[in-house]
């Protein structure tokens, strides 16, 4: 009785899970709609512009914060 309900060993279970994962991944990859070349270029340009804009805002905030900190330090030093 005990042998009938015995679990499979860990390697067999892990192998089955890995096999199932790759089977499901392959099934999902068939559903993917890949962008066209023009969509890819357009989206890349949008991302680069957004990164540039955010970088400029961070640089400006850093420069202003640096001026404020330097002003406070000069006030404290006298």
PDB file of N, CA and C in Angstrom:
ATOM      1  N   UNK A   1       0.810  -1.194   0.000  1.00  0.00           N
ATOM      2  CA  UNK A   1       0.000   0.000   0.000  1.00  0.00           C
ATOM      3  C   UNK A   1       0.854   1.259   0.000  1.00  0.00           C
ATOM      4  N   UNK A   2       1.870   1.260   0.816  1.00  0.00           N
ATOM      5  CA  UNK A   2       2.724   2.434   0.925  1.00  0.00           C
ATOM      6  C   UNK A   2       3.463   2.694  -0.374  1.00  0.00           C
ATOM      7  N   UNK A   3       3.802   1.631  -1.103  1.00  0.00           N
ATOM      8  CA  UNK A   3       4.538   1.793  -2.348  1.00  0.00           C
ATOM      9  C   UNK A   3       3.654   2.363  -3.455  1.00  0.00           C
ATOM     10  N   UNK A   4       2.376   2.127  -3.422  1.00  0.00           N
ATOM     11  CA  UNK A   4       1.466   2.613  -4.454  1.00  0.00           C
ATOM     12  C   UNK A   4       1.309   4.130  -4.377  1.00  0.00           C
ATOM     13  N   UNK A   5       1.378   4.701  -3.175  1.00  0.00           N
ATOM     14  CA  UNK A   5       1.201   6.144  -3.027  1.00  0.00           C
ATOM     15  C   UNK A   5       2.536   6.878  -2.890  1.00  0.00           C
ATOM     16  N   UNK A   6       3.639   6.188  -3.193  1.00  0.00           N
ATOM     17  CA  UNK A   6       4.971   6.781  -3.064  1.00  0.00           C
ATOM     18  C   UNK A   6       5.168   7.873  -4.120  1.00  0.00           C
ATOM     19  N   UNK A   7       5.760   8.997  -3.695  1.00  0.00           N
ATOM     20  CA  UNK A   7       6.025  10.102  -4.606  1.00  0.00           C
ATOM     21  C   UNK A   7       7.196   9.766  -5.521  1.00  0.00           C
ATOM     22  N   UNK A   8       7.183  10.382  -6.686  1.00  0.00           N
ATOM     23  CA  UNK A   8       8.332  10.252  -7.569  1.00  0.00           C
ATOM     24  C   UNK A   8       9.491  11.040  -6.977  1.00  0.00           C
ATOM     25  N   UNK A   9      10.715  10.693  -7.370  1.00  0.00           N
ATOM     26  CA  UNK A   9      11.834  11.414  -6.769  1.00  0.00           C
ATOM     27  C   UNK A   9      11.892  12.849  -7.281  1.00  0.00           C
ATOM     28  N   UNK A  10      12.673  13.676  -6.599  1.00  0.00           N
ATOM     29  CA  UNK A  10      12.701  15.117  -6.853  1.00  0.00           C
ATOM     30  C   UNK A  10      13.176  15.445  -8.261  1.00  0.00           C
ATOM     31  N   UNK A  11      14.093  14.660  -8.807  1.00  0.00           N
ATOM     32  CA  UNK A  11      14.614  14.939 -10.140  1.00  0.00           C
ATOM     33  C   UNK A  11      13.570  14.672 -11.213  1.00  0.00           C
ATOM     34  N   UNK A  12      12.775  13.654 -11.028  1.00  0.00           N
ATOM     35  CA  UNK A  12      11.708  13.347 -11.986  1.00  0.00           C
ATOM     36  C   UNK A  12      10.659  14.448 -11.962  1.00  0.00           C
ATOM     37  N   UNK A  13      10.293  14.900 -10.756  1.00  0.00           N
ATOM     38  CA  UNK A  13       9.302  15.988 -10.644  1.00  0.00           C
ATOM     39  C   UNK A  13       9.835  17.285 -11.237  1.00  0.00           C
ATOM     40  N   UNK A  14      11.113  17.604 -10.952  1.00  0.00           N
ATOM     41  CA  UNK A  14      11.699  18.824 -11.487  1.00  0.00           C
ATOM     42  C   UNK A  14      11.762  18.752 -13.012  1.00  0.00           C
ATOM     43  N   UNK A  15      12.145  17.607 -13.537  1.00  0.00           N
ATOM     44  CA  UNK A  15      12.195  17.436 -14.990  1.00  0.00           C
ATOM     45  C   UNK A  15      10.835  17.619 -15.628  1.00  0.00           C
ATOM     46  N   UNK A  16       9.809  17.114 -14.988  1.00  0.00           N
ATOM     47  CA  UNK A  16       8.448  17.260 -15.516  1.00  0.00           C
ATOM     48  C   UNK A  16       8.018  18.726 -15.502  1.00  0.00           C
ATOM     49  N   UNK A  17       8.375  19.434 -14.424  1.00  0.00           N
ATOM     50  CA  UNK A  17       8.016  20.858 -14.359  1.00  0.00           C
ATOM     51  C   UNK A  17       8.755  21.674 -15.410  1.00  0.00           C
ATOM     52  N   UNK A  18      10.039  21.365 -15.608  1.00  0.00           N
ATOM     53  CA  UNK A  18      10.818  22.080 -16.614  1.00  0.00           C
ATOM     54  C   UNK A  18      10.259  21.813 -18.006  1.00  0.00           C
ATOM     55  N   UNK A  19       9.914  20.566 -18.283  1.00  0.00           N
ATOM     56  CA  UNK A  19       9.344  20.199 -19.575  1.00  0.00           C
ATOM     57  C   UNK A  19       8.020  20.943 -19.806  1.00  0.00           C
ATOM     58  N   UNK A  20       7.189  21.017 -18.770  1.00  0.00           N
ATOM     59  CA  UNK A  20       5.912  21.720 -18.865  1.00  0.00           C
ATOM     60  C   UNK A  20       6.143  23.211 -19.105  1.00  0.00           C
ATOM     61  N   UNK A  21       7.130  23.786 -18.413  1.00  0.00           N
ATOM     62  CA  UNK A  21       7.439  25.204 -18.575  1.00  0.00           C
ATOM     63  C   UNK A  21       7.800  25.517 -20.021  1.00  0.00           C
ATOM     64  N   UNK A  22       8.691  24.723 -20.619  1.00  0.00           N
ATOM     65  CA  UNK A  22       9.111  24.978 -21.991  1.00  0.00           C
ATOM     66  C   UNK A  22       7.982  24.731 -22.984  1.00  0.00           C
ATOM     67  N   UNK A  23       7.134  23.767 -22.723  1.00  0.00           N
ATOM     68  CA  UNK A  23       5.988  23.511 -23.599  1.00  0.00           C
ATOM     69  C   UNK A  23       5.043  24.717 -23.578  1.00  0.00           C
ATOM     70  N   UNK A  24       4.769  25.249 -22.383  1.00  0.00           N
ATOM     71  CA  UNK A  24       3.881  26.408 -22.269  1.00  0.00           C
ATOM     72  C   UNK A  24       4.530  27.657 -22.862  1.00  0.00           C
ATOM     73  N   UNK A  25       5.843  27.805 -22.675  1.00  0.00           N
ATOM     74  CA  UNK A  25       6.540  28.958 -23.227  1.00  0.00           C
ATOM     75  C   UNK A  25       6.456  28.937 -24.755  1.00  0.00           C
ATOM     76  N   UNK A  26       6.664  27.779 -25.337  1.00  0.00           N
ATOM     77  CA  UNK A  26       6.588  27.649 -26.792  1.00  0.00           C
ATOM     78  C   UNK A  26       5.190  27.999 -27.290  1.00  0.00           C
ATOM     79  N   UNK A  27       4.181  27.562 -26.554  1.00  0.00           N
ATOM     80  CA  UNK A  27       2.807  27.863 -26.924  1.00  0.00           C
ATOM     81  C   UNK A  27       2.534  29.368 -26.862  1.00  0.00           C
ATOM     82  N   UNK A  28       3.044  30.035 -25.828  1.00  0.00           N
ATOM     83  CA  UNK A  28       2.834  31.473 -25.697  1.00  0.00           C
ATOM     84  C   UNK A  28       3.610  32.253 -26.752  1.00  0.00           C
ATOM     85  N   UNK A  29       4.802  31.784 -27.116  1.00  0.00           N
ATOM     86  CA  UNK A  29       5.600  32.492 -28.121  1.00  0.00           C
ATOM     87  C   UNK A  29       4.916  32.477 -29.484  1.00  0.00           C
ATOM     88  N   UNK A  30       4.080  31.494 -29.744  1.00  0.00           N
ATOM     89  CA  UNK A  30       3.344  31.449 -31.003  1.00  0.00           C
ATOM     90  C   UNK A  30       2.286  32.550 -31.060  1.00  0.00           C
ATOM     91  N   UNK A  31       1.873  33.050 -29.897  1.00  0.00           N
ATOM     92  CA  UNK A  31       0.836  34.079 -29.834  1.00  0.00           C
ATOM     93  C   UNK A  31       1.396  35.494 -29.941  1.00  0.00           C
ATOM     94  N   UNK A  32       2.710  35.640 -29.846  1.00  0.00           N
ATOM     95  CA  UNK A  32       3.335  36.957 -29.838  1.00  0.00           C
ATOM     96  C   UNK A  32       3.191  37.606 -31.208  1.00  0.00           C
ATOM     97  N   UNK A  33       2.826  38.897 -31.192  1.00  0.00           N
ATOM     98  CA  UNK A  33       2.769  39.682 -32.419  1.00  0.00           C
ATOM     99  C   UNK A  33       3.984  40.604 -32.397  1.00  0.00           C
ATOM    100  N   UNK A  34       4.940  40.341 -33.282  1.00  0.00           N
ATOM    101  CA  UNK A  34       6.176  41.105 -33.303  1.00  0.00           C
ATOM    102  C   UNK A  34       5.952  42.417 -34.034  1.00  0.00           C
ATOM    103  N   UNK A  35       6.590  43.522 -33.573  1.00  0.00           N
ATOM    104  CA  UNK A  35       6.402  44.820 -34.232  1.00  0.00           C
ATOM    105  C   UNK A  35       7.104  44.862 -35.591  1.00  0.00           C
ATOM    106  N   UNK A  36       6.574  45.725 -36.441  1.00  0.00           N
ATOM    107  CA  UNK A  36       7.228  45.927 -37.732  1.00  0.00           C
ATOM    108  C   UNK A  36       8.470  46.783 -37.524  1.00  0.00           C
ATOM    109  N   UNK A  37       9.284  46.903 -38.573  1.00  0.00           N
ATOM    110  CA  UNK A  37      10.519  47.686 -38.471  1.00  0.00           C
ATOM    111  C   UNK A  37      10.207  49.150 -38.159  1.00  0.00           C
ATOM    112  N   UNK A  38       9.187  49.709 -38.799  1.00  0.00           N
ATOM    113  CA  UNK A  38       8.844  51.112 -38.560  1.00  0.00           C
ATOM    114  C   UNK A  38       8.320  51.327 -37.133  1.00  0.00           C
ATOM    115  N   UNK A  39       7.548  50.376 -36.613  1.00  0.00           N
ATOM    116  CA  UNK A  39       7.079  50.478 -35.229  1.00  0.00           C
ATOM    117  C   UNK A  39       8.248  50.407 -34.257  1.00  0.00           C
ATOM    118  N   UNK A  40       9.188  49.527 -34.549  1.00  0.00           N
ATOM    119  CA  UNK A  40      10.353  49.375 -33.692  1.00  0.00           C
ATOM    120  C   UNK A  40      11.179  50.655 -33.665  1.00  0.00           C
ATOM    121  N   UNK A  41      11.406  51.253 -34.828  1.00  0.00           N
ATOM    122  CA  UNK A  41      12.168  52.501 -34.899  1.00  0.00           C
ATOM    123  C   UNK A  41      11.429  53.613 -34.180  1.00  0.00           C
ATOM    124  N   UNK A  42      10.126  53.712 -34.394  1.00  0.00           N
ATOM    125  CA  UNK A  42       9.322  54.748 -33.754  1.00  0.00           C
ATOM    126  C   UNK A  42       9.347  54.612 -32.228  1.00  0.00           C
ATOM    127  N   UNK A  43       9.162  53.403 -31.735  1.00  0.00           N
ATOM    128  CA  UNK A  43       9.173  53.180 -30.288  1.00  0.00           C
ATOM    129  C   UNK A  43      10.554  53.439 -29.692  1.00  0.00           C
ATOM    130  N   UNK A  44      11.608  53.089 -30.425  1.00  0.00           N
ATOM    131  CA  UNK A  44      12.966  53.340 -29.945  1.00  0.00           C
ATOM    132  C   UNK A  44      13.225  54.837 -29.827  1.00  0.00           C
ATOM    133  N   UNK A  45      12.784  55.601 -30.817  1.00  0.00           N
ATOM    134  CA  UNK A  45      12.959  57.055 -30.768  1.00  0.00           C
ATOM    135  C   UNK A  45      12.196  57.643 -29.581  1.00  0.00           C
ATOM    136  N   UNK A  46      10.986  57.175 -29.360  1.00  0.00           N
ATOM    137  CA  UNK A  46      10.190  57.667 -28.231  1.00  0.00           C
ATOM    138  C   UNK A  46      10.891  57.379 -26.913  1.00  0.00           C
ATOM    139  N   UNK A  47      11.431  56.189 -26.765  1.00  0.00           N
ATOM    140  CA  UNK A  47      12.129  55.826 -25.530  1.00  0.00           C
ATOM    141  C   UNK A  47      13.359  56.698 -25.343  1.00  0.00           C
ATOM    142  N   UNK A  48      14.133  56.898 -26.393  1.00  0.00           N
ATOM    143  CA  UNK A  48      15.346  57.717 -26.281  1.00  0.00           C
ATOM    144  C   UNK A  48      15.016  59.163 -25.923  1.00  0.00           C
ATOM    145  N   UNK A  49      13.964  59.705 -26.513  1.00  0.00           N
ATOM    146  CA  UNK A  49      13.550  61.083 -26.191  1.00  0.00           C
ATOM    147  C   UNK A  49      13.100  61.174 -24.734  1.00  0.00           C
ATOM    148  N   UNK A  50      12.335  60.193 -24.275  1.00  0.00           N
ATOM    149  CA  UNK A  50      11.880  60.196 -22.876  1.00  0.00           C
ATOM    150  C   UNK A  50      13.061  60.090 -21.915  1.00  0.00           C
ATOM    151  N   UNK A  51      14.031  59.247 -22.243  1.00  0.00           N
ATOM    152  CA  UNK A  51      15.220  59.124 -21.394  1.00  0.00           C
ATOM    153  C   UNK A  51      15.979  60.444 -21.359  1.00  0.00           C
ATOM    154  N   UNK A  52      16.104  61.090 -22.508  1.00  0.00           N
ATOM    155  CA  UNK A  52      16.800  62.380 -22.575  1.00  0.00           C
ATOM    156  C   UNK A  52      16.078  63.441 -21.741  1.00  0.00           C
ATOM    157  N   UNK A  53      14.761  63.505 -21.857  1.00  0.00           N
ATOM    158  CA  UNK A  53      13.986  64.497 -21.099  1.00  0.00           C
ATOM    159  C   UNK A  53      14.102  64.249 -19.598  1.00  0.00           C
ATOM    160  N   UNK A  54      13.968  63.016 -19.178  1.00  0.00           N
ATOM    161  CA  UNK A  54      14.093  62.697 -17.754  1.00  0.00           C
ATOM    162  C   UNK A  54      15.506  62.999 -17.270  1.00  0.00           C
ATOM    163  N   UNK A  55      16.508  62.702 -18.088  1.00  0.00           N
ATOM    164  CA  UNK A  55      17.895  63.005 -17.727  1.00  0.00           C
ATOM    165  C   UNK A  55      18.114  64.496 -17.543  1.00  0.00           C
ATOM    166  N   UNK A  56      17.521  65.305 -18.415  1.00  0.00           N
ATOM    167  CA  UNK A  56      17.646  66.768 -18.291  1.00  0.00           C
ATOM    168  C   UNK A  56      16.975  67.244 -17.010  1.00  0.00           C
ATOM    169  N   UNK A  57      15.794  66.712 -16.696  1.00  0.00           N
ATOM    170  CA  UNK A  57      15.127  67.100 -15.455  1.00  0.00           C
ATOM    171  C   UNK A  57      15.951  66.722 -14.233  1.00  0.00           C
ATOM    172  N   UNK A  58      16.527  65.535 -14.241  1.00  0.00           N
ATOM    173  CA  UNK A  58      17.350  65.113 -13.100  1.00  0.00           C
ATOM    174  C   UNK A  58      18.592  65.989 -12.993  1.00  0.00           C
ATOM    175  N   UNK A  59      19.224  66.293 -14.142  1.00  0.00           N
ATOM    176  CA  UNK A  59      20.403  67.161 -14.132  1.00  0.00           C
ATOM    177  C   UNK A  59      20.043  68.543 -13.580  1.00  0.00           C
ATOM    178  N   UNK A  60      18.915  69.108 -14.012  1.00  0.00           N
ATOM    179  CA  UNK A  60      18.497  70.436 -13.550  1.00  0.00           C
ATOM    180  C   UNK A  60      18.206  70.409 -12.052  1.00  0.00           C
ATOM    181  N   UNK A  61      17.500  69.385 -11.587  1.00  0.00           N
ATOM    182  CA  UNK A  61      17.210  69.287 -10.158  1.00  0.00           C
ATOM    183  C   UNK A  61      18.494  69.165  -9.357  1.00  0.00           C
ATOM    184  N   UNK A  62      19.440  68.383  -9.856  1.00  0.00           N
ATOM    185  CA  UNK A  62      20.714  68.210  -9.171  1.00  0.00           C
ATOM    186  C   UNK A  62      21.481  69.527  -9.109  1.00  0.00           C
ATOM    187  N   UNK A  63      21.481  70.276 -10.213  1.00  0.00           N
ATOM    188  CA  UNK A  63      22.185  71.560 -10.237  1.00  0.00           C
ATOM    189  C   UNK A  63      21.552  72.547  -9.256  1.00  0.00           C
ATOM    190  N   UNK A  64      20.224  72.599  -9.219  1.00  0.00           N
ATOM    191  CA  UNK A  64      19.525  73.502  -8.291  1.00  0.00           C
ATOM    192  C   UNK A  64      19.777  73.078  -6.851  1.00  0.00           C
ATOM    193  N   UNK A  65      19.706  71.777  -6.581  1.00  0.00           N
ATOM    194  CA  UNK A  65      19.953  71.280  -5.227  1.00  0.00           C
ATOM    195  C   UNK A  65      21.385  71.578  -4.808  1.00  0.00           C
ATOM    196  N   UNK A  66      22.324  71.459  -5.732  1.00  0.00           N
ATOM    197  CA  UNK A  66      23.716  71.773  -5.430  1.00  0.00           C
ATOM    198  C   UNK A  66      23.875  73.245  -5.069  1.00  0.00           C
ATOM    199  N   UNK A  67      23.217  74.128  -5.805  1.00  0.00           N
ATOM    200  CA  UNK A  67      23.282  75.567  -5.490  1.00  0.00           C
ATOM    201  C   UNK A  67      22.687  75.855  -4.114  1.00  0.00           C
ATOM    202  N   UNK A  68      21.569  75.210  -3.806  1.00  0.00           N
ATOM    203  CA  UNK A  68      20.929  75.410  -2.503  1.00  0.00           C
ATOM    204  C   UNK A  68      21.851  74.936  -1.382  1.00  0.00           C
ATOM    205  N   UNK A  69      22.424  73.766  -1.528  1.00  0.00           N
ATOM    206  CA  UNK A  69      23.314  73.221  -0.500  1.00  0.00           C
ATOM    207  C   UNK A  69      24.548  74.104  -0.340  1.00  0.00           C
ATOM    208  N   UNK A  70      25.136  74.531  -1.457  1.00  0.00           N
ATOM    209  CA  UNK A  70      26.304  75.415  -1.379  1.00  0.00           C
ATOM    210  C   UNK A  70      25.941  76.750  -0.712  1.00  0.00           C
ATOM    211  N   UNK A  71      24.743  77.251  -0.990  1.00  0.00           N
ATOM    212  CA  UNK A  71      24.290  78.484  -0.341  1.00  0.00           C
ATOM    213  C   UNK A  71      24.126  78.306   1.150  1.00  0.00           C
ATOM    214  N   UNK A  72      23.560  77.200   1.573  1.00  0.00           N
ATOM    215  CA  UNK A  72      23.397  76.933   3.004  1.00  0.00           C
ATOM    216  C   UNK A  72      24.765  76.783   3.677  1.00  0.00           C
ATOM    217  N   UNK A  73      25.677  76.094   3.013  1.00  0.00           N
ATOM    218  CA  UNK A  73      27.014  75.922   3.586  1.00  0.00           C
ATOM    219  C   UNK A  73      27.719  77.259   3.720  1.00  0.00           C
ATOM    220  N   UNK A  74      27.594  78.123   2.722  1.00  0.00           N
ATOM    221  CA  UNK A  74      28.257  79.430   2.805  1.00  0.00           C
ATOM    222  C   UNK A  74      27.616  80.297   3.887  1.00  0.00           C
ATOM    223  N   UNK A  75      26.315  80.160   4.116  1.00  0.00           N
ATOM    224  CA  UNK A  75      25.660  80.911   5.188  1.00  0.00           C
ATOM    225  C   UNK A  75      26.138  80.436   6.564  1.00  0.00           C
ATOM    226  N   UNK A  76      26.303  79.140   6.729  1.00  0.00           N
ATOM    227  CA  UNK A  76      26.707  78.579   8.005  1.00  0.00           C
ATOM    228  C   UNK A  76      28.165  78.907   8.299  1.00  0.00           C
ATOM    229  N   UNK A  77      29.026  78.871   7.267  1.00  0.00           N
ATOM    230  CA  UNK A  77      30.439  79.171   7.463  1.00  0.00           C
ATOM    231  C   UNK A  77      30.664  80.651   7.782  1.00  0.00           C
ATOM    232  N   UNK A  78      29.839  81.496   7.232  1.00  0.00           N
ATOM    233  CA  UNK A  78      29.942  82.916   7.536  1.00  0.00           C
ATOM    234  C   UNK A  78      30.740  83.666   6.625  1.00  0.00           C
TER     235      UNK A  78
END
